[in-house]
Protein backbone atom coordinates (compact mmCIF):
# COMPACT_ATOMS: atom_id res chain seq x y z
CA MET A 1 -14.67 13.95 -38.14
CA ARG A 2 -12.55 16.28 -40.64
CA SER A 3 -9.26 14.38 -41.15
CA LEU A 4 -12.14 11.74 -43.12
CA ILE A 5 -12.60 14.13 -46.07
CA SER A 6 -8.56 13.48 -46.50
CA LEU A 7 -9.70 9.31 -46.18
CA ILE A 8 -12.47 9.65 -48.90
CA LEU A 9 -10.86 11.40 -51.47
CA PRO A 10 -8.81 8.93 -52.58
CA LEU A 11 -10.83 6.51 -52.94
CA LEU A 12 -13.64 8.40 -54.73
CA ALA A 13 -10.99 9.60 -57.17
CA LEU A 14 -10.80 5.14 -58.02
CA THR A 15 -14.15 5.80 -59.48
CA GLY A 16 -12.48 7.48 -62.51
CA ALA A 17 -8.93 6.39 -62.07
CA PHE A 18 -8.00 5.53 -65.61
CA PRO A 19 -4.65 4.19 -67.01
CA GLN A 20 -3.38 6.36 -69.70
CA ARG A 21 -1.13 4.23 -70.85
CA MET A 22 -0.52 0.59 -71.53
CA PRO A 23 0.60 -1.18 -68.94
CA ALA A 24 4.83 -2.56 -68.68
CA GLN A 25 5.26 -6.45 -68.16
CA ASP A 26 7.14 -6.73 -64.77
CA ASN A 27 5.95 -7.24 -61.61
CA ILE A 28 2.66 -8.52 -63.83
CA ILE A 29 2.32 -12.35 -62.79
CA VAL A 30 -0.12 -14.47 -64.25
CA THR A 31 1.31 -18.56 -64.87
CA SER A 32 -1.22 -20.93 -66.41
CA SER A 33 -4.15 -18.70 -67.01
CA PRO A 34 -4.20 -17.03 -70.18
CA PRO A 35 -7.67 -16.24 -69.53
CA ALA A 36 -7.24 -14.19 -66.64
CA ALA A 37 -4.19 -12.48 -68.36
CA VAL A 38 -6.51 -11.45 -71.03
CA ALA A 39 -9.24 -9.94 -68.57
CA LEU A 40 -6.28 -7.96 -67.30
CA GLU A 41 -5.22 -6.78 -70.54
CA ARG A 42 -9.10 -6.04 -70.71
CA PHE A 43 -9.48 -4.29 -67.91
CA PHE A 44 -6.71 -2.06 -68.85
CA ALA A 45 -7.43 -1.03 -72.20
CA GLU A 46 -11.16 -0.63 -71.79
CA GLN A 47 -11.41 1.28 -67.54
CA PRO A 48 -12.21 4.22 -69.25
CA ALA A 49 -15.86 2.98 -71.60
CA HIS A 50 -16.78 2.02 -67.55
CA SER A 51 -16.54 5.48 -65.64
CA ARG A 52 -19.66 7.62 -64.29
CA ALA A 53 -23.14 7.81 -65.82
CA PRO A 54 -24.11 11.58 -66.72
CA VAL A 55 -27.10 11.43 -64.14
CA GLU A 56 -26.75 8.72 -60.89
CA THR A 57 -28.25 7.95 -58.01
CA ILE A 58 -27.14 8.23 -54.88
CA GLU A 59 -28.34 6.26 -51.69
CA ILE A 60 -25.51 6.64 -48.74
CA GLU A 61 -26.59 5.14 -45.45
CA ALA A 62 -24.17 5.89 -42.86
CA SER A 63 -24.07 4.77 -39.01
CA LEU A 64 -21.34 5.58 -35.74
CA PRO A 65 -22.57 2.68 -34.20
CA LYS A 66 -21.16 3.11 -30.35
CA LEU A 67 -22.81 6.16 -30.18
CA ASN A 68 -25.94 4.40 -31.77
CA LYS A 69 -26.82 7.29 -34.68
CA ASN A 70 -27.41 6.44 -37.84
CA GLY A 71 -28.90 9.13 -41.23
CA ARG A 72 -30.05 7.98 -44.89
CA LEU A 73 -29.89 10.17 -48.36
CA ARG A 74 -31.89 9.94 -51.83
CA ALA A 75 -30.44 12.21 -53.69
CA ILE A 76 -29.79 12.52 -57.70
CA ARG A 77 -25.77 13.34 -59.05
CA ARG A 78 -25.74 15.48 -62.65
CA ALA A 79 -22.25 15.82 -64.15
CA LEU A 80 -22.89 19.60 -64.69
CA SER A 81 -19.40 19.65 -66.26
CA ALA A 82 -16.02 16.47 -66.21
CA ARG A 83 -15.07 19.36 -62.66
CA GLN A 84 -18.26 20.44 -61.42
CA LEU A 85 -21.56 18.05 -59.36
CA GLU A 86 -24.27 19.12 -58.24
CA TYR A 87 -27.41 16.72 -56.41
CA GLU A 88 -31.03 16.56 -55.78
CA VAL A 89 -30.93 15.40 -52.59
CA LEU A 90 -34.53 13.36 -52.43
CA GLU A 91 -34.16 12.30 -49.58
CA LEU A 92 -32.26 13.13 -45.98
CA SER A 93 -33.33 11.73 -42.62
CA GLY A 94 -31.99 10.29 -39.16
CA ASP A 95 -29.27 12.00 -37.26
CA SER A 96 -27.74 15.42 -37.69
CA MET A 97 -24.51 14.41 -36.83
CA VAL A 98 -24.31 11.93 -38.23
CA ASN A 99 -25.67 13.53 -41.30
CA HIS A 100 -23.53 16.22 -41.18
CA GLU A 101 -20.04 14.72 -39.60
CA LEU A 102 -20.44 11.48 -42.82
CA ILE A 103 -23.00 12.08 -45.39
CA ALA A 104 -22.13 15.90 -46.33
CA ARG A 105 -18.64 15.34 -45.68
CA TYR A 106 -18.62 13.54 -48.07
CA LEU A 107 -20.37 14.66 -50.47
CA SER A 108 -17.99 17.28 -50.61
CA ALA A 109 -15.44 14.37 -50.76
CA ASP A 110 -17.18 13.39 -53.70
CA ARG A 111 -17.49 17.53 -55.76
CA ARG A 112 -13.46 17.76 -54.34
CA ALA A 113 -12.51 14.27 -56.23
CA THR A 114 -13.92 15.49 -59.87
CA GLU A 115 -10.73 17.72 -59.06
CA LEU A 116 -7.57 15.62 -58.10
CA ASP A 117 -5.43 14.08 -60.13
CA THR A 118 -6.06 10.86 -60.06
CA ALA A 119 -2.98 9.33 -62.13
CA SER A 120 -0.88 8.48 -59.11
CA ARG A 121 -4.03 7.07 -56.80
CA ALA A 122 -4.48 4.52 -60.24
CA ILE A 123 -4.47 0.84 -60.78
CA THR A 124 -2.34 0.97 -62.88
CA PRO A 125 1.49 -1.42 -63.15
CA VAL A 126 2.97 2.33 -62.16
CA ASN A 127 1.25 2.35 -58.84
CA TYR A 128 1.03 -1.43 -57.61
CA LYS A 129 2.42 -4.06 -58.32
CA PHE A 130 -0.19 -7.69 -59.71
CA ARG A 131 0.28 -11.46 -58.92
CA TYR A 132 -3.16 -13.85 -59.86
CA VAL A 133 -4.05 -15.90 -57.36
CA GLY A 134 -7.01 -16.98 -58.66
CA SER A 135 -10.61 -17.80 -60.38
CA ALA A 136 -13.91 -17.78 -58.29
CA GLN A 137 -17.16 -17.51 -59.59
CA LEU A 138 -19.45 -14.15 -57.98
CA HIS A 139 -23.48 -13.56 -58.51
CA ASP A 140 -22.75 -16.70 -61.05
CA ASP A 141 -20.12 -15.15 -63.35
CA GLN A 142 -16.05 -16.26 -63.88
CA THR A 143 -14.11 -13.59 -61.91
CA TYR A 144 -10.16 -14.27 -62.12
CA MET A 145 -8.49 -12.68 -58.65
CA PHE A 146 -5.39 -10.30 -58.52
CA ARG A 147 -3.32 -9.78 -56.00
CA ILE A 148 -2.49 -5.15 -55.72
CA ILE A 149 -0.01 -4.49 -53.81
CA PRO A 150 1.51 -0.74 -54.37
CA ARG A 151 5.04 -0.69 -54.96
CA LYS A 152 4.69 2.87 -52.84
CA ARG A 153 3.95 3.67 -49.28
CA ARG A 154 1.50 6.34 -50.68
CA GLN A 155 -1.72 8.31 -49.45
CA GLY A 156 -5.01 6.47 -51.08
CA LEU A 157 -3.35 3.59 -52.73
CA ILE A 158 -5.22 -0.05 -51.13
CA ASN A 159 -3.70 -3.19 -50.30
CA GLY A 160 -6.16 -5.34 -51.45
CA ILE A 161 -7.61 -8.28 -54.14
CA LEU A 162 -8.73 -7.52 -57.15
CA TRP A 163 -11.63 -9.23 -59.02
CA LEU A 164 -12.31 -8.64 -62.77
CA ASP A 165 -15.51 -10.23 -64.65
CA GLY A 166 -14.29 -12.78 -67.47
CA ASP A 167 -15.21 -12.32 -69.92
CA THR A 168 -15.75 -7.91 -69.93
CA GLY A 169 -12.15 -7.46 -67.49
CA ILE A 170 -14.07 -4.87 -65.92
CA ALA A 171 -13.80 -4.79 -62.46
CA VAL A 172 -15.91 -6.24 -60.56
CA ARG A 173 -15.01 -6.35 -57.02
CA LEU A 174 -12.61 -4.21 -54.80
CA SER A 175 -11.65 -4.73 -51.51
CA GLY A 176 -8.27 -3.73 -49.52
CA TYR A 177 -7.02 -1.14 -46.62
CA LEU A 178 -4.88 1.70 -46.72
CA VAL A 179 -2.08 1.13 -47.06
CA LYS A 180 -1.49 5.00 -45.14
CA ASN A 181 -3.47 6.84 -42.73
CA PRO A 182 -4.71 9.73 -43.29
CA SER A 183 -5.10 10.68 -39.82
CA ILE A 184 -3.43 9.58 -36.85
CA PHE A 185 -7.29 9.50 -35.13
CA LEU A 186 -8.01 6.94 -37.72
CA LYS A 187 -6.87 3.86 -36.57
CA ARG A 188 -7.93 1.34 -40.32
CA VAL A 189 -10.02 1.52 -42.39
CA ASN A 190 -10.86 -0.77 -45.07
CA MET A 191 -12.44 -0.99 -48.23
CA THR A 192 -14.86 -2.90 -50.35
CA ARG A 193 -16.34 -1.05 -54.26
CA GLU A 194 -18.32 -3.52 -55.99
CA ASN A 195 -19.76 -3.82 -59.42
CA ARG A 196 -22.31 -5.55 -60.36
CA LEU A 197 -23.36 -6.40 -63.73
CA ARG A 198 -25.93 -6.76 -66.30
CA ASP A 199 -24.99 -7.18 -70.29
CA GLY A 200 -21.90 -6.33 -69.54
CA VAL A 201 -22.73 -3.15 -68.66
CA VAL A 202 -21.61 -1.58 -64.63
CA GLU A 203 -26.05 -1.17 -63.66
CA ALA A 204 -25.17 -0.37 -59.86
CA ARG A 205 -21.52 0.63 -57.76
CA ILE A 206 -22.17 -0.49 -54.05
CA THR A 207 -19.14 1.28 -51.60
CA HIS A 208 -18.58 -0.45 -47.89
CA LEU A 209 -16.39 2.04 -45.45
CA LEU A 210 -15.66 1.07 -42.37
CA VAL A 211 -13.37 3.20 -40.65
CA GLU A 212 -12.14 2.50 -37.61
CA THR A 213 -11.50 5.92 -35.43
CA ARG A 214 -9.32 6.54 -31.77
CA LEU A 215 -12.27 8.81 -30.72
CA VAL A 216 -15.39 7.21 -31.65
CA GLY A 217 -15.33 3.79 -32.74
CA SER A 218 -15.79 2.48 -36.44
CA ALA A 219 -17.46 4.91 -38.76
CA ARG A 220 -19.50 2.77 -41.49
CA LEU A 221 -21.13 3.98 -45.02
CA VAL A 222 -22.97 1.77 -47.85
CA VAL A 223 -22.70 4.05 -50.72
CA VAL A 224 -24.74 2.59 -53.87
CA GLU A 225 -24.90 4.20 -56.92
CA ARG A 226 -26.85 3.64 -60.51
CA PRO A 227 -26.71 5.66 -63.67
CA THR A 228 -30.37 6.76 -64.68
CA THR A 229 -32.65 9.68 -65.73
CA VAL A 230 -35.00 9.93 -62.78
CA LEU A 231 -35.22 13.38 -62.69
CA GLY A 232 -36.00 14.33 -59.45
CA THR A 233 -37.93 16.90 -57.81
CA GLY A 234 -36.00 17.37 -54.70
CA PRO A 235 -33.85 20.57 -54.26
CA ALA A 236 -30.17 21.09 -56.31
CA VAL A 237 -26.94 21.09 -53.54
CA PRO A 238 -24.67 22.85 -56.14
């Protein structure tokens, strides 16, 4: 289970993985859809405005279905600085193995992700090729879908589909699989991350992780993060 740390870290890094320069135009293919091209330009230009809030609630539901074990956490996460997070636990319940091996390790990875150099994993033309695949309605909003293909088989990169909100260019969904497993004990790692918008602002970020292991079957995590002003009353976990 220790290998899950190396799995979760690159995925968490995507949360704050913002481009540092304007994209090159090679290998960005948008045909017959000027609105999609505009949405993609906004995605590259405006991502820094949609990073984590200073204070967020975080809810984690984790399970090992083959072992019939489940765990749950509710906490408040505060960014004390750019590289320091603090958690205030409001609720922790369920199986101790799941809480320790999945939930606690996720929180540890969340802290360590703030220390990573995210440039090598950012969703930018430096790391990915982009190909427009069509439009769709998602939660009654117009979105544009892009296939993202890593330029290199590097740990932390995802082969999948990126959905962009047509009005703002915000990534409303990212779904795919890791192109390189972080451990020989893992068969496949699937991830879906969805940003729920209200009036052009992210009000909730929902991440689904499905890890197919060779030892204990599948491990599942559902993480819901929301900006908040709630102070909380539980113990702090620095």
